[in-house]
Amino acid sequence: VQLQASGGGSVQSGGSLRLSCTASGRTFSNYAVGWFRQAPGQEREFVVGISDSGGTTYSEDSVKGRFTISRDNAKNTVYLQMNSLKPEDTALYYCAASRWFGVPTLPAAFRFWGQGTQVTVSS
């Protein structure tokens, strides 16, 4: 699976962005997808994920109620709607695909990774 992340940009605190992760190469509906982020000098961390069917999602506590993940398997695309953005959300955001059951959260569970899209939130 080849993944292409897009939609990043610069917004002010409280603003919104929608990231997209578009896949090609294999049957996308067989893969769970996760979004991770990495700020300078920090470890890559799990943000939110969705199961292969889209029936299950899981979010890291700091983004619950603000970030929503969804997918359209017919378009081979996963979306991350980010609302009420905060400066601490500033990071390079990656999408990744996994054949693991459910919604994996560990980076080691994800075999395929996109190139990352930058999100910058100013106060």
N, C-alpha and C. Protein backbone atom coordinates (compact mmCIF):
# COMPACT_ATOMS: atom_id res chain seq x y z
N VAL A 1 0.84 -1.19 0.00
CA VAL A 1 0.00 0.00 0.00
C VAL A 1 0.88 1.25 0.00
N GLN A 2 0.57 2.15 -0.92
CA GLN A 2 1.24 3.46 -0.91
C GLN A 2 0.26 4.48 -0.33
N LEU A 3 0.73 5.29 0.61
CA LEU A 3 -0.13 6.24 1.30
C LEU A 3 0.35 7.66 1.01
N GLN A 4 -0.60 8.54 0.77
CA GLN A 4 -0.30 9.95 0.51
C GLN A 4 -1.13 10.79 1.47
N ALA A 5 -0.45 11.46 2.39
CA ALA A 5 -1.12 12.34 3.34
C ALA A 5 -1.12 13.77 2.80
N SER A 6 -2.21 14.46 3.03
CA SER A 6 -2.32 15.84 2.56
C SER A 6 -3.26 16.61 3.48
N GLY A 7 -3.31 17.92 3.27
CA GLY A 7 -4.25 18.76 4.01
C GLY A 7 -3.67 19.56 5.15
N GLY A 8 -2.40 19.39 5.42
CA GLY A 8 -1.78 20.16 6.49
C GLY A 8 -1.69 21.63 6.15
N GLY A 9 -1.35 22.43 7.13
CA GLY A 9 -1.22 23.86 6.92
C GLY A 9 -1.00 24.59 8.23
N SER A 10 -1.13 25.90 8.16
CA SER A 10 -0.95 26.75 9.34
C SER A 10 -2.28 27.41 9.69
N VAL A 11 -2.68 27.28 10.95
CA VAL A 11 -3.92 27.89 11.41
C VAL A 11 -3.68 28.53 12.78
N GLN A 12 -4.59 29.38 13.17
CA GLN A 12 -4.53 29.94 14.51
C GLN A 12 -5.22 29.02 15.50
N SER A 13 -4.89 29.19 16.75
CA SER A 13 -5.50 28.41 17.81
C SER A 13 -7.03 28.51 17.73
N GLY A 14 -7.70 27.37 17.84
CA GLY A 14 -9.13 27.31 17.72
C GLY A 14 -9.62 27.00 16.32
N GLY A 15 -8.72 27.01 15.36
CA GLY A 15 -9.08 26.74 13.98
C GLY A 15 -9.23 25.26 13.68
N SER A 16 -9.50 24.97 12.42
CA SER A 16 -9.75 23.60 11.97
C SER A 16 -8.94 23.28 10.72
N LEU A 17 -8.64 22.01 10.58
CA LEU A 17 -8.03 21.47 9.37
C LEU A 17 -8.59 20.09 9.14
N ARG A 18 -8.60 19.66 7.89
CA ARG A 18 -8.96 18.28 7.56
C ARG A 18 -7.82 17.65 6.78
N LEU A 19 -7.27 16.62 7.35
CA LEU A 19 -6.23 15.85 6.69
C LEU A 19 -6.84 14.69 5.92
N SER A 20 -6.20 14.33 4.82
CA SER A 20 -6.62 13.18 4.04
C SER A 20 -5.45 12.22 3.88
N CYS A 21 -5.77 10.96 3.84
CA CYS A 21 -4.78 9.91 3.60
C CYS A 21 -5.35 9.04 2.49
N THR A 22 -4.73 9.12 1.32
CA THR A 22 -5.23 8.38 0.16
C THR A 22 -4.29 7.23 -0.14
N ALA A 23 -4.88 6.06 -0.36
CA ALA A 23 -4.09 4.85 -0.55
C ALA A 23 -4.19 4.34 -1.98
N SER A 24 -3.15 3.63 -2.39
CA SER A 24 -3.16 2.97 -3.69
C SER A 24 -2.34 1.70 -3.57
N GLY A 25 -2.59 0.77 -4.47
CA GLY A 25 -1.73 -0.39 -4.58
C GLY A 25 -2.32 -1.69 -4.08
N ARG A 26 -3.14 -1.68 -3.04
CA ARG A 26 -3.74 -2.91 -2.51
C ARG A 26 -5.16 -2.61 -2.05
N THR A 27 -5.85 -3.63 -1.60
CA THR A 27 -7.22 -3.47 -1.15
C THR A 27 -7.23 -2.69 0.16
N PHE A 28 -7.57 -1.44 0.07
CA PHE A 28 -7.49 -0.54 1.21
C PHE A 28 -8.42 -0.97 2.34
N SER A 29 -9.56 -1.56 1.99
CA SER A 29 -10.54 -1.94 3.01
C SER A 29 -10.06 -3.09 3.89
N ASN A 30 -8.93 -3.68 3.59
CA ASN A 30 -8.36 -4.72 4.43
C ASN A 30 -7.47 -4.17 5.54
N TYR A 31 -7.28 -2.85 5.58
CA TYR A 31 -6.31 -2.25 6.48
C TYR A 31 -6.95 -1.29 7.47
N ALA A 32 -6.55 -1.44 8.73
CA ALA A 32 -6.81 -0.38 9.69
C ALA A 32 -5.85 0.77 9.39
N VAL A 33 -6.27 1.97 9.73
CA VAL A 33 -5.43 3.14 9.47
C VAL A 33 -5.30 3.96 10.75
N GLY A 34 -4.12 4.42 10.98
CA GLY A 34 -3.86 5.29 12.12
C GLY A 34 -3.20 6.57 11.70
N TRP A 35 -3.46 7.60 12.48
CA TRP A 35 -2.74 8.87 12.32
C TRP A 35 -1.80 9.00 13.51
N PHE A 36 -0.57 9.33 13.22
CA PHE A 36 0.45 9.59 14.22
C PHE A 36 0.98 11.01 14.02
N ARG A 37 1.63 11.53 15.03
CA ARG A 37 2.26 12.84 14.88
C ARG A 37 3.59 12.85 15.61
N GLN A 38 4.46 13.72 15.12
CA GLN A 38 5.77 13.85 15.72
C GLN A 38 6.18 15.31 15.72
N ALA A 39 6.36 15.84 16.91
CA ALA A 39 6.84 17.20 17.07
C ALA A 39 8.37 17.18 17.17
N PRO A 40 9.02 18.28 16.86
CA PRO A 40 10.49 18.31 16.92
C PRO A 40 11.01 17.90 18.29
N GLY A 41 11.96 16.97 18.29
CA GLY A 41 12.57 16.52 19.53
C GLY A 41 11.74 15.55 20.34
N GLN A 42 10.61 15.14 19.80
CA GLN A 42 9.73 14.22 20.53
C GLN A 42 9.55 12.92 19.77
N GLU A 43 9.07 11.90 20.49
CA GLU A 43 8.79 10.62 19.87
C GLU A 43 7.52 10.71 19.03
N ARG A 44 7.43 9.85 18.04
CA ARG A 44 6.20 9.75 17.26
C ARG A 44 5.12 9.17 18.16
N GLU A 45 3.94 9.76 18.15
CA GLU A 45 2.87 9.29 19.02
C GLU A 45 1.59 9.03 18.23
N PHE A 46 0.85 8.04 18.71
CA PHE A 46 -0.45 7.71 18.13
C PHE A 46 -1.43 8.82 18.46
N VAL A 47 -2.27 9.16 17.48
CA VAL A 47 -3.30 10.19 17.69
C VAL A 47 -4.70 9.58 17.63
N VAL A 48 -5.00 8.94 16.52
CA VAL A 48 -6.34 8.38 16.34
C VAL A 48 -6.28 7.32 15.26
N GLY A 49 -7.16 6.31 15.38
CA GLY A 49 -7.16 5.25 14.40
C GLY A 49 -8.56 4.76 14.09
N ILE A 50 -8.66 4.01 12.99
CA ILE A 50 -9.95 3.49 12.55
C ILE A 50 -9.74 2.08 12.02
N SER A 51 -10.70 1.21 12.30
CA SER A 51 -10.61 -0.17 11.85
C SER A 51 -10.81 -0.27 10.34
N ASP A 52 -10.56 -1.46 9.80
CA ASP A 52 -10.64 -1.62 8.35
C ASP A 52 -12.02 -1.31 7.79
N SER A 53 -13.06 -1.69 8.52
CA SER A 53 -14.43 -1.44 8.05
C SER A 53 -14.91 -0.04 8.37
N GLY A 54 -14.22 0.64 9.28
CA GLY A 54 -14.67 1.94 9.75
C GLY A 54 -15.61 1.87 10.93
N GLY A 55 -15.88 0.66 11.40
CA GLY A 55 -16.84 0.50 12.47
C GLY A 55 -16.32 0.83 13.86
N THR A 56 -15.01 0.87 14.00
CA THR A 56 -14.40 1.15 15.31
C THR A 56 -13.34 2.23 15.15
N THR A 57 -13.36 3.18 16.08
CA THR A 57 -12.33 4.20 16.11
C THR A 57 -11.79 4.31 17.54
N TYR A 58 -10.60 4.86 17.65
CA TYR A 58 -9.99 5.06 18.96
C TYR A 58 -9.13 6.29 18.90
N SER A 59 -9.27 7.15 19.91
CA SER A 59 -8.52 8.41 19.95
C SER A 59 -7.69 8.51 21.22
N GLU A 60 -6.56 9.12 21.08
CA GLU A 60 -5.74 9.44 22.24
C GLU A 60 -6.45 10.53 23.05
N ASP A 61 -6.28 10.49 24.37
CA ASP A 61 -7.10 11.33 25.26
C ASP A 61 -7.04 12.81 24.92
N SER A 62 -5.89 13.31 24.55
CA SER A 62 -5.75 14.76 24.35
C SER A 62 -6.51 15.29 23.15
N VAL A 63 -6.96 14.40 22.27
CA VAL A 63 -7.68 14.86 21.08
C VAL A 63 -9.14 14.44 21.08
N LYS A 64 -9.54 13.69 22.07
CA LYS A 64 -10.94 13.25 22.13
C LYS A 64 -11.87 14.46 22.18
N GLY A 65 -12.92 14.39 21.38
CA GLY A 65 -13.87 15.49 21.32
C GLY A 65 -13.45 16.60 20.36
N ARG A 66 -12.21 16.55 19.87
CA ARG A 66 -11.74 17.58 18.93
C ARG A 66 -11.40 17.00 17.55
N PHE A 67 -10.85 15.79 17.54
CA PHE A 67 -10.45 15.15 16.29
C PHE A 67 -11.41 14.02 15.97
N THR A 68 -11.77 13.89 14.70
CA THR A 68 -12.66 12.82 14.25
C THR A 68 -12.06 12.14 13.03
N ILE A 69 -11.98 10.83 13.09
CA ILE A 69 -11.46 10.08 11.96
C ILE A 69 -12.61 9.38 11.26
N SER A 70 -12.53 9.30 9.94
CA SER A 70 -13.54 8.59 9.15
C SER A 70 -12.86 8.04 7.91
N ARG A 71 -13.55 7.19 7.21
CA ARG A 71 -12.96 6.63 5.99
C ARG A 71 -14.03 6.39 4.96
N ASP A 72 -13.60 6.46 3.70
CA ASP A 72 -14.44 6.15 2.56
C ASP A 72 -13.66 5.12 1.75
N ASN A 73 -13.98 3.86 1.96
CA ASN A 73 -13.22 2.80 1.29
C ASN A 73 -13.42 2.81 -0.22
N ALA A 74 -14.53 3.32 -0.67
CA ALA A 74 -14.75 3.42 -2.12
C ALA A 74 -13.78 4.40 -2.76
N LYS A 75 -13.33 5.38 -1.97
CA LYS A 75 -12.37 6.38 -2.45
C LYS A 75 -10.95 6.11 -1.95
N ASN A 76 -10.79 4.99 -1.22
CA ASN A 76 -9.47 4.64 -0.68
C ASN A 76 -8.88 5.79 0.15
N THR A 77 -9.72 6.43 0.92
CA THR A 77 -9.28 7.61 1.65
C THR A 77 -9.76 7.58 3.09
N VAL A 78 -8.88 7.99 3.99
CA VAL A 78 -9.21 8.21 5.40
C VAL A 78 -9.06 9.70 5.67
N TYR A 79 -9.99 10.23 6.45
CA TYR A 79 -9.99 11.64 6.76
C TYR A 79 -9.76 11.85 8.26
N LEU A 80 -9.08 12.94 8.58
CA LEU A 80 -8.93 13.34 9.97
C LEU A 80 -9.39 14.79 10.08
N GLN A 81 -10.57 14.96 10.67
CA GLN A 81 -11.09 16.30 10.90
C GLN A 81 -10.58 16.79 12.25
N MET A 82 -9.88 17.90 12.24
CA MET A 82 -9.28 18.43 13.46
C MET A 82 -9.90 19.79 13.77
N ASN A 83 -10.60 19.87 14.87
CA ASN A 83 -11.25 21.10 15.30
C ASN A 83 -10.63 21.59 16.60
N SER A 84 -10.90 22.84 16.94
CA SER A 84 -10.40 23.44 18.19
C SER A 84 -8.91 23.18 18.36
N LEU A 85 -8.17 23.43 17.32
CA LEU A 85 -6.74 23.13 17.34
C LEU A 85 -6.01 24.00 18.36
N LYS A 86 -4.99 23.41 18.95
CA LYS A 86 -4.18 24.06 19.98
C LYS A 86 -2.73 24.12 19.51
N PRO A 87 -1.94 25.03 20.03
CA PRO A 87 -0.52 25.08 19.66
C PRO A 87 0.20 23.74 19.90
N GLU A 88 -0.20 23.02 20.94
CA GLU A 88 0.44 21.74 21.22
C GLU A 88 0.09 20.64 20.21
N ASP A 89 -0.83 20.93 19.28
CA ASP A 89 -1.12 19.99 18.20
C ASP A 89 -0.13 20.15 17.05
N THR A 90 0.72 21.14 17.12
CA THR A 90 1.71 21.37 16.07
C THR A 90 2.66 20.19 15.95
N ALA A 91 2.74 19.62 14.75
CA ALA A 91 3.57 18.44 14.52
C ALA A 91 3.50 18.05 13.05
N LEU A 92 4.35 17.11 12.70
CA LEU A 92 4.25 16.45 11.40
C LEU A 92 3.33 15.26 11.58
N TYR A 93 2.26 15.21 10.80
CA TYR A 93 1.26 14.16 10.93
C TYR A 93 1.45 13.11 9.84
N TYR A 94 1.46 11.86 10.28
CA TYR A 94 1.64 10.72 9.38
C TYR A 94 0.39 9.83 9.42
N CYS A 95 0.02 9.27 8.28
CA CYS A 95 -0.95 8.20 8.30
C CYS A 95 -0.21 6.89 8.02
N ALA A 96 -0.78 5.81 8.53
CA ALA A 96 -0.16 4.51 8.40
C ALA A 96 -1.23 3.44 8.32
N ALA A 97 -0.90 2.32 7.66
CA ALA A 97 -1.86 1.24 7.45
C ALA A 97 -1.35 -0.05 8.08
N SER A 98 -2.30 -0.80 8.66
CA SER A 98 -1.97 -2.03 9.37
C SER A 98 -2.98 -3.12 9.04
N ARG A 99 -2.51 -4.36 8.98
CA ARG A 99 -3.41 -5.50 8.81
C ARG A 99 -3.88 -6.07 10.14
N TRP A 100 -3.46 -5.49 11.25
CA TRP A 100 -3.87 -5.97 12.56
C TRP A 100 -5.37 -5.78 12.74
N PHE A 101 -5.95 -6.63 13.56
CA PHE A 101 -7.38 -6.56 13.86
C PHE A 101 -7.68 -5.36 14.75
N GLY A 102 -8.83 -4.75 14.53
CA GLY A 102 -9.27 -3.65 15.38
C GLY A 102 -8.55 -2.36 15.06
N VAL A 103 -8.18 -1.64 16.11
CA VAL A 103 -7.49 -0.36 15.94
C VAL A 103 -6.15 -0.43 16.68
N PRO A 104 -5.11 -0.83 16.01
CA PRO A 104 -3.80 -0.85 16.67
C PRO A 104 -3.31 0.55 16.96
N THR A 105 -2.47 0.68 17.98
CA THR A 105 -1.95 1.98 18.36
C THR A 105 -0.42 2.03 18.37
N LEU A 106 0.23 0.89 18.32
CA LEU A 106 1.68 0.87 18.36
C LEU A 106 2.26 1.05 16.97
N PRO A 107 3.27 1.91 16.81
CA PRO A 107 3.87 2.09 15.48
C PRO A 107 4.35 0.78 14.84
N ALA A 108 4.80 -0.16 15.65
CA ALA A 108 5.31 -1.43 15.12
C ALA A 108 4.23 -2.25 14.43
N ALA A 109 2.97 -1.95 14.72
CA ALA A 109 1.86 -2.69 14.11
C ALA A 109 1.56 -2.22 12.69
N PHE A 110 2.14 -1.10 12.30
CA PHE A 110 1.84 -0.50 11.00
C PHE A 110 2.98 -0.74 10.03
N ARG A 111 2.63 -1.37 8.92
CA ARG A 111 3.65 -1.72 7.94
C ARG A 111 3.89 -0.62 6.93
N PHE A 112 2.85 0.11 6.60
CA PHE A 112 2.96 1.10 5.53
C PHE A 112 2.73 2.50 6.10
N TRP A 113 3.57 3.45 5.65
CA TRP A 113 3.52 4.82 6.17
C TRP A 113 3.51 5.82 5.03
N GLY A 114 2.75 6.89 5.23
CA GLY A 114 2.79 8.01 4.30
C GLY A 114 3.94 8.93 4.64
N GLN A 115 4.10 9.98 3.87
CA GLN A 115 5.27 10.85 3.99
C GLN A 115 5.12 11.95 5.02
N GLY A 116 3.92 12.17 5.53
CA GLY A 116 3.74 13.20 6.54
C GLY A 116 3.27 14.52 5.96
N THR A 117 2.45 15.21 6.73
CA THR A 117 1.99 16.54 6.35
C THR A 117 2.07 17.42 7.59
N GLN A 118 2.59 18.64 7.43
CA GLN A 118 2.86 19.51 8.56
C GLN A 118 1.62 20.27 9.00
N VAL A 119 1.37 20.24 10.30
CA VAL A 119 0.31 21.04 10.91
C VAL A 119 0.96 22.01 11.90
N THR A 120 0.69 23.29 11.72
CA THR A 120 1.24 24.31 12.60
C THR A 120 0.10 25.16 13.15
N VAL A 121 0.01 25.22 14.47
CA VAL A 121 -1.04 25.99 15.13
C VAL A 121 -0.40 27.10 15.94
N SER A 122 -0.76 28.32 15.62
CA SER A 122 -0.18 29.46 16.32
C SER A 122 -1.16 30.00 17.36
N SER A 123 -0.59 30.54 18.43
CA SER A 123 -1.45 31.06 19.51
C SER A 123 -1.87 32.49 19.26
